[in-house]
Protein backbone atom coordinates (compact mmCIF):
# COMPACT_ATOMS: atom_id res chain seq x y z
CA MET A 1 -0.07 -0.24 0.06
CA LYS A 2 1.34 3.01 -1.49
CA ASP A 3 -1.39 5.39 0.03
CA THR A 4 -0.50 6.90 3.89
CA ILE A 5 -3.44 7.37 7.05
CA ILE A 6 -1.71 9.06 9.91
CA THR A 7 -3.67 8.64 12.78
CA LEU A 8 -3.36 10.92 15.92
CA TYR A 9 -4.83 9.18 19.24
CA VAL A 10 -5.01 11.35 22.03
CA ASP A 11 -5.67 10.74 25.53
CA THR A 12 -8.66 12.79 25.69
CA VAL A 13 -9.33 13.09 29.12
CA LYS A 14 -5.85 13.77 30.42
CA ILE A 15 -4.85 16.32 27.76
CA ILE A 16 -8.15 18.24 28.63
CA GLY A 17 -7.01 18.48 31.89
CA LEU A 18 -3.71 19.98 31.33
CA PRO A 19 -3.10 23.29 32.17
CA GLU A 20 -4.56 26.39 30.25
CA LYS A 21 -1.01 26.65 28.23
CA PRO A 22 0.50 23.55 28.16
CA SER A 23 3.83 22.76 27.07
CA PRO A 24 4.84 21.02 24.01
CA GLU A 25 6.27 17.95 26.24
CA GLU A 26 2.89 17.79 28.03
CA VAL A 27 0.96 17.87 24.93
CA LEU A 28 2.88 14.96 23.50
CA SER A 29 2.60 13.10 26.58
CA CYS A 30 -1.41 12.88 25.86
CA ILE A 31 -0.81 11.16 22.19
CA LEU A 32 0.30 8.61 20.08
CA LEU A 33 1.14 9.00 16.14
CA GLY A 34 1.05 6.02 13.62
CA ASP A 35 -0.27 5.15 10.37
CA ASN A 36 -0.76 2.27 8.01
CA HIS A 37 2.54 1.41 7.37
CA ASN A 38 3.23 -0.67 10.12
CA ASP A 39 4.66 2.12 12.12
CA LEU A 40 2.82 1.41 15.14
CA PRO A 41 1.28 4.20 17.42
CA LYS A 42 3.97 5.71 19.57
CA GLY A 43 4.79 8.67 21.11
CA GLU A 44 8.90 8.65 21.26
CA ASP A 45 9.46 9.69 17.30
CA PHE A 46 6.82 11.32 15.71
CA THR A 47 8.02 10.39 12.30
CA SER A 48 5.98 8.85 9.87
CA LYS A 49 7.68 7.17 6.97
CA ILE A 50 5.62 7.83 3.18
CA HIS A 51 6.16 7.44 -0.03
CA ASP A 52 6.78 10.08 -3.00
CA ARG A 53 3.86 10.61 -5.09
CA SER A 54 1.19 9.32 -2.45
CA LYS A 55 -2.47 10.50 -1.06
CA LEU A 56 -2.17 11.25 2.64
CA ALA A 57 -4.58 11.40 4.90
CA TRP A 58 -4.49 13.21 8.94
CA VAL A 59 -7.51 11.45 11.32
CA GLY A 60 -7.70 11.53 15.00
CA ALA A 61 -8.91 9.49 17.54
CA ALA A 62 -10.01 9.15 21.44
CA MET A 63 -7.48 7.09 22.42
CA TYR A 64 -9.21 5.55 25.18
CA ILE A 65 -12.86 5.14 23.18
CA MET A 66 -14.43 2.54 25.19
CA ASP A 67 -13.81 4.54 28.61
CA SER A 68 -15.67 7.58 26.63
CA VAL A 69 -17.61 7.36 24.01
CA GLN A 70 -18.13 10.59 23.32
CA ASP A 71 -14.99 12.27 23.54
CA PHE A 72 -13.84 12.90 19.79
CA VAL A 73 -10.76 14.36 18.30
CA ILE A 74 -10.83 16.35 14.85
CA ILE A 75 -7.64 17.57 12.92
CA THR A 76 -8.45 21.41 12.24
CA LYS A 77 -5.41 21.97 10.28
CA ILE A 78 -2.29 20.90 8.26
CA LEU A 79 0.32 23.71 8.15
CA VAL A 80 3.47 23.22 6.20
CA LYS A 81 6.07 25.00 7.58
CA LYS A 82 8.54 25.04 3.94
CA LYS A 83 7.36 27.39 0.79
CA LYS A 84 8.70 24.39 -1.71
CA SER A 85 7.12 21.92 0.44
CA MET A 86 7.10 18.38 -0.77
CA ILE A 87 3.41 17.92 1.29
CA LYS A 88 0.61 19.42 -0.37
CA ILE A 89 -2.59 19.45 1.58
CA TYR A 90 -5.97 19.55 -1.06
CA ASP A 91 -8.64 22.84 -0.44
CA SER A 92 -11.11 21.72 2.68
CA ARG A 93 -13.74 21.67 -0.31
CA LYS A 94 -12.06 19.19 -2.15
CA SER A 95 -11.31 16.87 0.83
CA SER A 96 -13.71 14.14 1.43
CA GLY A 97 -14.86 15.41 4.91
CA LYS A 98 -14.27 17.75 7.48
CA THR A 99 -13.04 15.52 10.36
CA HIS A 100 -9.74 14.96 8.47
CA LYS A 101 -7.83 16.58 6.33
CA ASP A 102 -6.60 14.71 2.87
CA GLY A 103 -3.14 15.92 0.87
CA TYR A 104 -0.64 14.33 -0.85
CA VAL A 105 3.03 14.17 -1.67
CA ASN A 106 4.89 15.94 -4.27
CA LYS A 107 7.85 14.16 -5.81
CA ALA A 108 10.37 13.59 -3.31
CA LYS A 109 13.87 11.78 -2.92
CA SER A 110 13.90 9.11 -0.59
CA GLY A 111 15.45 10.19 2.69
CA SER A 112 14.08 13.55 2.53
CA GLU A 113 12.43 14.57 5.80
CA GLU A 114 9.93 17.72 6.83
CA GLU A 115 8.59 19.02 9.63
CA TYR A 116 4.54 20.55 9.53
CA ARG A 117 2.19 20.83 12.22
CA ILE A 118 -1.16 19.42 13.11
CA HIS A 119 -3.76 21.30 14.86
CA PHE A 120 -6.46 19.49 16.37
CA LEU A 121 -9.46 19.89 18.41
CA VAL A 122 -10.44 17.73 21.53
CA ASN A 123 -13.75 17.27 23.11
CA SER A 124 -13.53 15.11 26.46
CA GLY A 125 -17.16 15.19 28.81
CA GLY A 126 -18.10 18.51 26.39
CA VAL A 127 -15.22 20.65 26.74
CA GLU A 128 -13.45 21.43 23.88
CA ARG A 129 -9.86 22.76 23.75
CA LYS A 130 -7.37 23.21 20.63
CA PHE A 131 -3.86 21.76 20.37
CA LYS A 132 -1.20 21.82 17.99
CA ILE A 133 2.11 19.42 17.60
CA ASP A 134 5.32 19.54 15.02
CA PRO A 135 5.39 15.69 13.79
CA LYS A 136 7.83 14.99 10.93
CA ILE A 137 7.29 12.88 7.30
CA ARG A 138 10.19 10.92 5.79
CA VAL A 139 10.34 9.50 2.08
CA ILE A 140 10.89 5.94 2.37
């Protein structure tokens, strides 16, 4: 499978309980990031391995959904940091839904790596808060 689905798993109860202006480390302690290329969800290395010229999708998920069935995570924005980024994000009107973001990887050399930003909204127990993280992608 060439296309990549990157899933952001969030401990919704823990992250909602963080201070009003949490440190990046506090936010990272509440999440796992994984994808559909045998990169199991993990917290220590937020680098997704992707293929050039492939489609990308970012989705959010409540980590302990069975304990908090009403909680949810929505990816609100993917922000590339370089002007000539290998990541291209589809206009939200052309995406397949409002709960996640879609894009693709332009032609890129194997080993290329890039940081980007994921903005996401968490709702737990009716309380909503917004957060962001800065993971990386690496072309394999």
